[in-house]
Amino acid sequence: MNKTELVEKIAAGAGLSKVDSKKALDATLAAIKGALKKGDKVALVGFGTFSVAKRPAREGINPATKAKIKIAAKKVAKFKAGAELAAAL
């Protein structure tokens, strides 16, 4: 399912127009992104939790040249499914 299909499902399920559904989805995603940028967790009970994890710097290998390279430390977004979502799958 892509974003357009998700907007259509939201519109049908909530009785909203597609324009209003897209605005609601965009606002939700922006709020989640903003919270993660601050380093906060976003917990949606029954659905799951979005959080930020830190990956340490490490050494890797360039597959083309077999030369060792340094991979910089970075932050990544993580999602852990909630109990209701896990049970539904």
PDB file of N, CA and C in Angstrom:
ATOM      1  N   MET A   1       0.848  -1.173   0.000  1.00  0.00           N
ATOM      2  CA  MET A   1       0.000   0.000   0.000  1.00  0.00           C
ATOM      3  C   MET A   1       0.896   1.240   0.000  1.00  0.00           C
ATOM      4  N   ASN A   2       0.601   2.154  -0.896  1.00  0.00           N
ATOM      5  CA  ASN A   2       1.364   3.400  -0.932  1.00  0.00           C
ATOM      6  C   ASN A   2       0.563   4.521  -0.254  1.00  0.00           C
ATOM      7  N   LYS A   3       1.109   5.718  -0.242  1.00  0.00           N
ATOM      8  CA  LYS A   3       0.484   6.826   0.475  1.00  0.00           C
ATOM      9  C   LYS A   3      -0.888   7.174  -0.109  1.00  0.00           C
ATOM     10  N   THR A   4      -1.017   7.167  -1.427  1.00  0.00           N
ATOM     11  CA  THR A   4      -2.294   7.492  -2.065  1.00  0.00           C
ATOM     12  C   THR A   4      -3.367   6.491  -1.666  1.00  0.00           C
ATOM     13  N   GLU A   5      -3.012   5.219  -1.662  1.00  0.00           N
ATOM     14  CA  GLU A   5      -3.975   4.186  -1.266  1.00  0.00           C
ATOM     15  C   GLU A   5      -4.347   4.319   0.210  1.00  0.00           C
ATOM     16  N   LEU A   6      -3.382   4.679   1.035  1.00  0.00           N
ATOM     17  CA  LEU A   6      -3.648   4.883   2.455  1.00  0.00           C
ATOM     18  C   LEU A   6      -4.598   6.062   2.663  1.00  0.00           C
ATOM     19  N   VAL A   7      -4.393   7.138   1.933  1.00  0.00           N
ATOM     20  CA  VAL A   7      -5.284   8.302   2.017  1.00  0.00           C
ATOM     21  C   VAL A   7      -6.700   7.899   1.626  1.00  0.00           C
ATOM     22  N   GLU A   8      -6.844   7.084   0.585  1.00  0.00           N
ATOM     23  CA  GLU A   8      -8.169   6.625   0.157  1.00  0.00           C
ATOM     24  C   GLU A   8      -8.831   5.781   1.248  1.00  0.00           C
ATOM     25  N   LYS A   9      -8.075   4.905   1.904  1.00  0.00           N
ATOM     26  CA  LYS A   9      -8.615   4.066   2.979  1.00  0.00           C
ATOM     27  C   LYS A   9      -9.044   4.917   4.167  1.00  0.00           C
ATOM     28  N   ILE A  10      -8.232   5.924   4.507  1.00  0.00           N
ATOM     29  CA  ILE A  10      -8.581   6.821   5.615  1.00  0.00           C
ATOM     30  C   ILE A  10      -9.858   7.581   5.288  1.00  0.00           C
ATOM     31  N   ALA A  11      -9.950   8.084   4.062  1.00  0.00           N
ATOM     32  CA  ALA A  11     -11.128   8.839   3.651  1.00  0.00           C
ATOM     33  C   ALA A  11     -12.385   7.971   3.731  1.00  0.00           C
ATOM     34  N   ALA A  12     -12.284   6.738   3.262  1.00  0.00           N
ATOM     35  CA  ALA A  12     -13.443   5.842   3.282  1.00  0.00           C
ATOM     36  C   ALA A  12     -13.802   5.439   4.711  1.00  0.00           C
ATOM     37  N   GLY A  13     -12.809   5.157   5.522  1.00  0.00           N
ATOM     38  CA  GLY A  13     -13.062   4.704   6.888  1.00  0.00           C
ATOM     39  C   GLY A  13     -13.560   5.786   7.823  1.00  0.00           C
ATOM     40  N   ALA A  14     -13.115   7.023   7.610  1.00  0.00           N
ATOM     41  CA  ALA A  14     -13.476   8.113   8.515  1.00  0.00           C
ATOM     42  C   ALA A  14     -14.574   9.010   7.958  1.00  0.00           C
ATOM     43  N   GLY A  15     -14.991   8.760   6.718  1.00  0.00           N
ATOM     44  CA  GLY A  15     -16.022   9.596   6.112  1.00  0.00           C
ATOM     45  C   GLY A  15     -15.533  11.001   5.807  1.00  0.00           C
ATOM     46  N   LEU A  16     -14.247  11.124   5.496  1.00  0.00           N
ATOM     47  CA  LEU A  16     -13.659  12.417   5.157  1.00  0.00           C
ATOM     48  C   LEU A  16     -13.393  12.490   3.661  1.00  0.00           C
ATOM     49  N   SER A  17     -13.129  13.708   3.186  1.00  0.00           N
ATOM     50  CA  SER A  17     -12.713  13.848   1.794  1.00  0.00           C
ATOM     51  C   SER A  17     -11.264  13.408   1.686  1.00  0.00           C
ATOM     52  N   LYS A  18     -10.837  13.110   0.468  1.00  0.00           N
ATOM     53  CA  LYS A  18      -9.443  12.705   0.266  1.00  0.00           C
ATOM     54  C   LYS A  18      -8.489  13.836   0.627  1.00  0.00           C
ATOM     55  N   VAL A  19      -8.888  15.079   0.365  1.00  0.00           N
ATOM     56  CA  VAL A  19      -8.045  16.235   0.685  1.00  0.00           C
ATOM     57  C   VAL A  19      -7.854  16.338   2.201  1.00  0.00           C
ATOM     58  N   ASP A  20      -8.955  16.203   2.961  1.00  0.00           N
ATOM     59  CA  ASP A  20      -8.862  16.273   4.412  1.00  0.00           C
ATOM     60  C   ASP A  20      -8.067  15.090   4.974  1.00  0.00           C
ATOM     61  N   SER A  21      -8.244  13.920   4.381  1.00  0.00           N
ATOM     62  CA  SER A  21      -7.510  12.735   4.822  1.00  0.00           C
ATOM     63  C   SER A  21      -6.022  12.897   4.582  1.00  0.00           C
ATOM     64  N   LYS A  22      -5.650  13.474   3.436  1.00  0.00           N
ATOM     65  CA  LYS A  22      -4.236  13.697   3.136  1.00  0.00           C
ATOM     66  C   LYS A  22      -3.645  14.698   4.114  1.00  0.00           C
ATOM     67  N   LYS A  23      -4.392  15.757   4.442  1.00  0.00           N
ATOM     68  CA  LYS A  23      -3.910  16.749   5.406  1.00  0.00           C
ATOM     69  C   LYS A  23      -3.710  16.099   6.778  1.00  0.00           C
ATOM     70  N   ALA A  24      -4.650  15.257   7.189  1.00  0.00           N
ATOM     71  CA  ALA A  24      -4.552  14.584   8.489  1.00  0.00           C
ATOM     72  C   ALA A  24      -3.352  13.640   8.523  1.00  0.00           C
ATOM     73  N   LEU A  25      -3.146  12.883   7.454  1.00  0.00           N
ATOM     74  CA  LEU A  25      -2.008  11.962   7.386  1.00  0.00           C
ATOM     75  C   LEU A  25      -0.691  12.739   7.395  1.00  0.00           C
ATOM     76  N   ASP A  26      -0.611  13.796   6.609  1.00  0.00           N
ATOM     77  CA  ASP A  26       0.607  14.612   6.570  1.00  0.00           C
ATOM     78  C   ASP A  26       0.911  15.222   7.939  1.00  0.00           C
ATOM     79  N   ALA A  27      -0.133  15.707   8.632  1.00  0.00           N
ATOM     80  CA  ALA A  27       0.059  16.296   9.959  1.00  0.00           C
ATOM     81  C   ALA A  27       0.528  15.227  10.953  1.00  0.00           C
ATOM     82  N   THR A  28      -0.020  14.032  10.856  1.00  0.00           N
ATOM     83  CA  THR A  28       0.378  12.940  11.745  1.00  0.00           C
ATOM     84  C   THR A  28       1.838  12.565  11.522  1.00  0.00           C
ATOM     85  N   LEU A  29       2.219  12.410  10.269  1.00  0.00           N
ATOM     86  CA  LEU A  29       3.599  12.046   9.948  1.00  0.00           C
ATOM     87  C   LEU A  29       4.571  13.147  10.364  1.00  0.00           C
ATOM     88  N   ALA A  30       4.171  14.405  10.189  1.00  0.00           N
ATOM     89  CA  ALA A  30       5.025  15.530  10.597  1.00  0.00           C
ATOM     90  C   ALA A  30       5.195  15.550  12.115  1.00  0.00           C
ATOM     91  N   ALA A  31       4.139  15.237  12.853  1.00  0.00           N
ATOM     92  CA  ALA A  31       4.220  15.217  14.311  1.00  0.00           C
ATOM     93  C   ALA A  31       5.142  14.095  14.786  1.00  0.00           C
ATOM     94  N   ILE A  32       5.038  12.928  14.159  1.00  0.00           N
ATOM     95  CA  ILE A  32       5.914  11.805  14.518  1.00  0.00           C
ATOM     96  C   ILE A  32       7.362  12.158  14.200  1.00  0.00           C
ATOM     97  N   LYS A  33       7.597  12.710  13.014  1.00  0.00           N
ATOM     98  CA  LYS A  33       8.957  13.092  12.614  1.00  0.00           C
ATOM     99  C   LYS A  33       9.540  14.138  13.559  1.00  0.00           C
ATOM    100  N   GLY A  34       8.730  15.121  13.933  1.00  0.00           N
ATOM    101  CA  GLY A  34       9.189  16.162  14.854  1.00  0.00           C
ATOM    102  C   GLY A  34       9.573  15.603  16.214  1.00  0.00           C
ATOM    103  N   ALA A  35       8.766  14.683  16.720  1.00  0.00           N
ATOM    104  CA  ALA A  35       9.065  14.072  18.017  1.00  0.00           C
ATOM    105  C   ALA A  35      10.347  13.250  17.947  1.00  0.00           C
ATOM    106  N   LEU A  36      10.537  12.509  16.859  1.00  0.00           N
ATOM    107  CA  LEU A  36      11.751  11.703  16.716  1.00  0.00           C
ATOM    108  C   LEU A  36      12.989  12.580  16.580  1.00  0.00           C
ATOM    109  N   LYS A  37      12.859  13.717  15.901  1.00  0.00           N
ATOM    110  CA  LYS A  37      13.993  14.645  15.775  1.00  0.00           C
ATOM    111  C   LYS A  37      14.439  15.149  17.138  1.00  0.00           C
ATOM    112  N   LYS A  38      13.480  15.340  18.049  1.00  0.00           N
ATOM    113  CA  LYS A  38      13.798  15.790  19.408  1.00  0.00           C
ATOM    114  C   LYS A  38      14.358  14.655  20.262  1.00  0.00           C
ATOM    115  N   GLY A  39      14.259  13.425  19.772  1.00  0.00           N
ATOM    116  CA  GLY A  39      14.745  12.279  20.534  1.00  0.00           C
ATOM    117  C   GLY A  39      13.673  11.628  21.382  1.00  0.00           C
ATOM    118  N   ASP A  40      12.420  12.052  21.209  1.00  0.00           N
ATOM    119  CA  ASP A  40      11.308  11.482  21.974  1.00  0.00           C
ATOM    120  C   ASP A  40      10.821  10.179  21.343  1.00  0.00           C
ATOM    121  N   LYS A  41      10.103   9.400  22.140  1.00  0.00           N
ATOM    122  CA  LYS A  41       9.419   8.204  21.641  1.00  0.00           C
ATOM    123  C   LYS A  41       7.992   8.583  21.304  1.00  0.00           C
ATOM    124  N   VAL A  42       7.412   7.896  20.332  1.00  0.00           N
ATOM    125  CA  VAL A  42       6.001   8.067  20.010  1.00  0.00           C
ATOM    126  C   VAL A  42       5.346   6.704  20.185  1.00  0.00           C
ATOM    127  N   ALA A  43       4.513   6.568  21.218  1.00  0.00           N
ATOM    128  CA  ALA A  43       3.866   5.297  21.518  1.00  0.00           C
ATOM    129  C   ALA A  43       2.392   5.384  21.162  1.00  0.00           C
ATOM    130  N   LEU A  44       1.950   4.552  20.249  1.00  0.00           N
ATOM    131  CA  LEU A  44       0.548   4.455  19.873  1.00  0.00           C
ATOM    132  C   LEU A  44       0.054   3.121  20.429  1.00  0.00           C
ATOM    133  N   VAL A  45      -0.657   3.181  21.542  1.00  0.00           N
ATOM    134  CA  VAL A  45      -1.062   1.980  22.262  1.00  0.00           C
ATOM    135  C   VAL A  45      -1.837   1.041  21.336  1.00  0.00           C
ATOM    136  N   GLY A  46      -1.405  -0.210  21.304  1.00  0.00           N
ATOM    137  CA  GLY A  46      -2.043  -1.219  20.464  1.00  0.00           C
ATOM    138  C   GLY A  46      -1.442  -1.294  19.075  1.00  0.00           C
ATOM    139  N   PHE A  47      -0.800  -0.223  18.621  1.00  0.00           N
ATOM    140  CA  PHE A  47      -0.201  -0.207  17.279  1.00  0.00           C
ATOM    141  C   PHE A  47       1.296  -0.433  17.353  1.00  0.00           C
ATOM    142  N   GLY A  48       1.996   0.437  18.090  1.00  0.00           N
ATOM    143  CA  GLY A  48       3.434   0.270  18.201  1.00  0.00           C
ATOM    144  C   GLY A  48       4.117   1.526  18.691  1.00  0.00           C
ATOM    145  N   THR A  49       5.445   1.445  18.749  1.00  0.00           N
ATOM    146  CA  THR A  49       6.248   2.551  19.259  1.00  0.00           C
ATOM    147  C   THR A  49       7.345   2.912  18.270  1.00  0.00           C
ATOM    148  N   PHE A  50       7.436   4.194  17.957  1.00  0.00           N
ATOM    149  CA  PHE A  50       8.506   4.723  17.133  1.00  0.00           C
ATOM    150  C   PHE A  50       9.559   5.290  18.078  1.00  0.00           C
ATOM    151  N   SER A  51      10.832   5.026  17.808  1.00  0.00           N
ATOM    152  CA  SER A  51      11.899   5.558  18.648  1.00  0.00           C
ATOM    153  C   SER A  51      13.146   5.790  17.802  1.00  0.00           C
ATOM    154  N   VAL A  52      14.137   6.415  18.426  1.00  0.00           N
ATOM    155  CA  VAL A  52      15.410   6.688  17.753  1.00  0.00           C
ATOM    156  C   VAL A  52      16.486   5.830  18.400  1.00  0.00           C
ATOM    157  N   ALA A  53      17.278   5.168  17.581  1.00  0.00           N
ATOM    158  CA  ALA A  53      18.395   4.358  18.080  1.00  0.00           C
ATOM    159  C   ALA A  53      19.689   4.924  17.517  1.00  0.00           C
ATOM    160  N   LYS A  54      20.756   4.810  18.301  1.00  0.00           N
ATOM    161  CA  LYS A  54      22.066   5.279  17.847  1.00  0.00           C
ATOM    162  C   LYS A  54      22.878   4.080  17.388  1.00  0.00           C
ATOM    163  N   ARG A  55      23.419   4.179  16.197  1.00  0.00           N
ATOM    164  CA  ARG A  55      24.324   3.153  15.696  1.00  0.00           C
ATOM    165  C   ARG A  55      25.747   3.672  15.834  1.00  0.00           C
ATOM    166  N   PRO A  56      26.611   2.911  16.466  1.00  0.00           N
ATOM    167  CA  PRO A  56      27.989   3.386  16.647  1.00  0.00           C
ATOM    168  C   PRO A  56      28.777   3.342  15.338  1.00  0.00           C
ATOM    169  N   ALA A  57      29.873   4.071  15.300  1.00  0.00           N
ATOM    170  CA  ALA A  57      30.772   4.020  14.147  1.00  0.00           C
ATOM    171  C   ALA A  57      31.355   2.613  14.076  1.00  0.00           C
ATOM    172  N   ARG A  58      31.612   2.157  12.865  1.00  0.00           N
ATOM    173  CA  ARG A  58      32.163   0.813  12.709  1.00  0.00           C
ATOM    174  C   ARG A  58      33.006   0.749  11.458  1.00  0.00           C
ATOM    175  N   GLU A  59      33.689  -0.361  11.308  1.00  0.00           N
ATOM    176  CA  GLU A  59      34.525  -0.559  10.139  1.00  0.00           C
ATOM    177  C   GLU A  59      33.816  -1.522   9.197  1.00  0.00           C
ATOM    178  N   GLY A  60      33.828  -1.180   7.912  1.00  0.00           N
ATOM    179  CA  GLY A  60      33.205  -2.030   6.910  1.00  0.00           C
ATOM    180  C   GLY A  60      34.179  -2.334   5.796  1.00  0.00           C
ATOM    181  N   ILE A  61      33.706  -3.067   4.804  1.00  0.00           N
ATOM    182  CA  ILE A  61      34.544  -3.426   3.665  1.00  0.00           C
ATOM    183  C   ILE A  61      33.820  -3.041   2.390  1.00  0.00           C
ATOM    184  N   ASN A  62      34.527  -2.326   1.510  1.00  0.00           N
ATOM    185  CA  ASN A  62      33.985  -1.982   0.202  1.00  0.00           C
ATOM    186  C   ASN A  62      33.976  -3.268  -0.629  1.00  0.00           C
ATOM    187  N   PRO A  63      32.780  -3.747  -1.042  1.00  0.00           N
ATOM    188  CA  PRO A  63      32.731  -5.020  -1.755  1.00  0.00           C
ATOM    189  C   PRO A  63      33.443  -4.996  -3.114  1.00  0.00           C
ATOM    190  N   ALA A  64      33.547  -3.838  -3.726  1.00  0.00           N
ATOM    191  CA  ALA A  64      34.182  -3.764  -5.047  1.00  0.00           C
ATOM    192  C   ALA A  64      35.701  -3.848  -4.943  1.00  0.00           C
ATOM    193  N   THR A  65      36.272  -3.141  -3.957  1.00  0.00           N
ATOM    194  CA  THR A  65      37.736  -3.075  -3.858  1.00  0.00           C
ATOM    195  C   THR A  65      38.304  -3.890  -2.694  1.00  0.00           C
ATOM    196  N   LYS A  66      37.436  -4.376  -1.823  1.00  0.00           N
ATOM    197  CA  LYS A  66      37.829  -5.112  -0.619  1.00  0.00           C
ATOM    198  C   LYS A  66      38.630  -4.251   0.356  1.00  0.00           C
ATOM    199  N   ALA A  67      38.610  -2.943   0.149  1.00  0.00           N
ATOM    200  CA  ALA A  67      39.325  -2.028   1.041  1.00  0.00           C
ATOM    201  C   ALA A  67      38.475  -1.772   2.287  1.00  0.00           C
ATOM    202  N   LYS A  68      39.141  -1.595   3.422  1.00  0.00           N
ATOM    203  CA  LYS A  68      38.427  -1.286   4.650  1.00  0.00           C
ATOM    204  C   LYS A  68      38.009   0.180   4.621  1.00  0.00           C
ATOM    205  N   ILE A  69      36.778   0.425   5.075  1.00  0.00           N
ATOM    206  CA  ILE A  69      36.263   1.790   5.142  1.00  0.00           C
ATOM    207  C   ILE A  69      35.673   2.015   6.522  1.00  0.00           C
ATOM    208  N   LYS A  70      35.595   3.278   6.921  1.00  0.00           N
ATOM    209  CA  LYS A  70      34.977   3.624   8.188  1.00  0.00           C
ATOM    210  C   LYS A  70      33.543   4.077   7.914  1.00  0.00           C
ATOM    211  N   ILE A  71      32.623   3.501   8.643  1.00  0.00           N
ATOM    212  CA  ILE A  71      31.216   3.874   8.538  1.00  0.00           C
ATOM    213  C   ILE A  71      30.908   4.737   9.762  1.00  0.00           C
ATOM    214  N   ALA A  72      30.432   5.948   9.521  1.00  0.00           N
ATOM    215  CA  ALA A  72      30.193   6.913  10.598  1.00  0.00           C
ATOM    216  C   ALA A  72      29.023   6.493  11.479  1.00  0.00           C
ATOM    217  N   ALA A  73      29.042   6.968  12.708  1.00  0.00           N
ATOM    218  CA  ALA A  73      27.922   6.750  13.630  1.00  0.00           C
ATOM    219  C   ALA A  73      26.719   7.523  13.109  1.00  0.00           C
ATOM    220  N   LYS A  74      25.529   7.006  13.383  1.00  0.00           N
ATOM    221  CA  LYS A  74      24.327   7.719  12.949  1.00  0.00           C
ATOM    222  C   LYS A  74      23.139   7.311  13.800  1.00  0.00           C
ATOM    223  N   LYS A  75      22.083   8.079  13.681  1.00  0.00           N
ATOM    224  CA  LYS A  75      20.826   7.784  14.360  1.00  0.00           C
ATOM    225  C   LYS A  75      19.869   7.205  13.327  1.00  0.00           C
ATOM    226  N   VAL A  76      19.090   6.214  13.750  1.00  0.00           N
ATOM    227  CA  VAL A  76      18.116   5.590  12.856  1.00  0.00           C
ATOM    228  C   VAL A  76      16.765   5.511  13.557  1.00  0.00           C
ATOM    229  N   ALA A  77      15.704   5.540  12.775  1.00  0.00           N
ATOM    230  CA  ALA A  77      14.357   5.386  13.317  1.00  0.00           C
ATOM    231  C   ALA A  77      14.056   3.901  13.477  1.00  0.00           C
ATOM    232  N   LYS A  78      13.422   3.561  14.604  1.00  0.00           N
ATOM    233  CA  LYS A  78      13.034   2.182  14.867  1.00  0.00           C
ATOM    234  C   LYS A  78      11.536   2.130  15.109  1.00  0.00           C
ATOM    235  N   PHE A  79      10.932   0.989  14.791  1.00  0.00           N
ATOM    236  CA  PHE A  79       9.519   0.768  15.078  1.00  0.00           C
ATOM    237  C   PHE A  79       9.374  -0.602  15.703  1.00  0.00           C
ATOM    238  N   LYS A  80       8.667  -0.644  16.813  1.00  0.00           N
ATOM    239  CA  LYS A  80       8.379  -1.921  17.459  1.00  0.00           C
ATOM    240  C   LYS A  80       6.869  -2.077  17.498  1.00  0.00           C
ATOM    241  N   ALA A  81       6.374  -3.146  16.895  1.00  0.00           N
ATOM    242  CA  ALA A  81       4.936  -3.386  16.832  1.00  0.00           C
ATOM    243  C   ALA A  81       4.366  -3.632  18.217  1.00  0.00           C
ATOM    244  N   GLY A  82       3.162  -3.114  18.451  1.00  0.00           N
ATOM    245  CA  GLY A  82       2.463  -3.329  19.711  1.00  0.00           C
ATOM    246  C   GLY A  82       1.799  -4.693  19.737  1.00  0.00           C
ATOM    247  N   ALA A  83       1.258  -5.058  20.881  1.00  0.00           N
ATOM    248  CA  ALA A  83       0.674  -6.381  21.057  1.00  0.00           C
ATOM    249  C   ALA A  83      -0.510  -6.628  20.125  1.00  0.00           C
ATOM    250  N   GLU A  84      -1.398  -5.645  19.991  1.00  0.00           N
ATOM    251  CA  GLU A  84      -2.584  -5.826  19.134  1.00  0.00           C
ATOM    252  C   GLU A  84      -2.176  -5.986  17.665  1.00  0.00           C
ATOM    253  N   LEU A  85      -1.213  -5.196  17.200  1.00  0.00           N
ATOM    254  CA  LEU A  85      -0.766  -5.294  15.823  1.00  0.00           C
ATOM    255  C   LEU A  85      -0.082  -6.646  15.591  1.00  0.00           C
ATOM    256  N   ALA A  86       0.767  -7.064  16.517  1.00  0.00           N
ATOM    257  CA  ALA A  86       1.458  -8.342  16.390  1.00  0.00           C
ATOM    258  C   ALA A  86       0.463  -9.493  16.374  1.00  0.00           C
ATOM    259  N   ALA A  87      -0.575  -9.410  17.202  1.00  0.00           N
ATOM    260  CA  ALA A  87      -1.580 -10.475  17.241  1.00  0.00           C
ATOM    261  C   ALA A  87      -2.403 -10.515  15.964  1.00  0.00           C
ATOM    262  N   ALA A  88      -2.628  -9.352  15.352  1.00  0.00           N
ATOM    263  CA  ALA A  88      -3.423  -9.289  14.123  1.00  0.00           C
ATOM    264  C   ALA A  88      -2.682  -9.909  12.939  1.00  0.00           C
ATOM    265  N   LEU A  89      -1.373  -9.934  13.004  1.00  0.00           N
ATOM    266  CA  LEU A  89      -0.583 -10.487  11.910  1.00  0.00           C
ATOM    267  C   LEU A  89      -0.500 -11.982  12.050  1.00  0.00           C
TER     268      LEU A  89
END
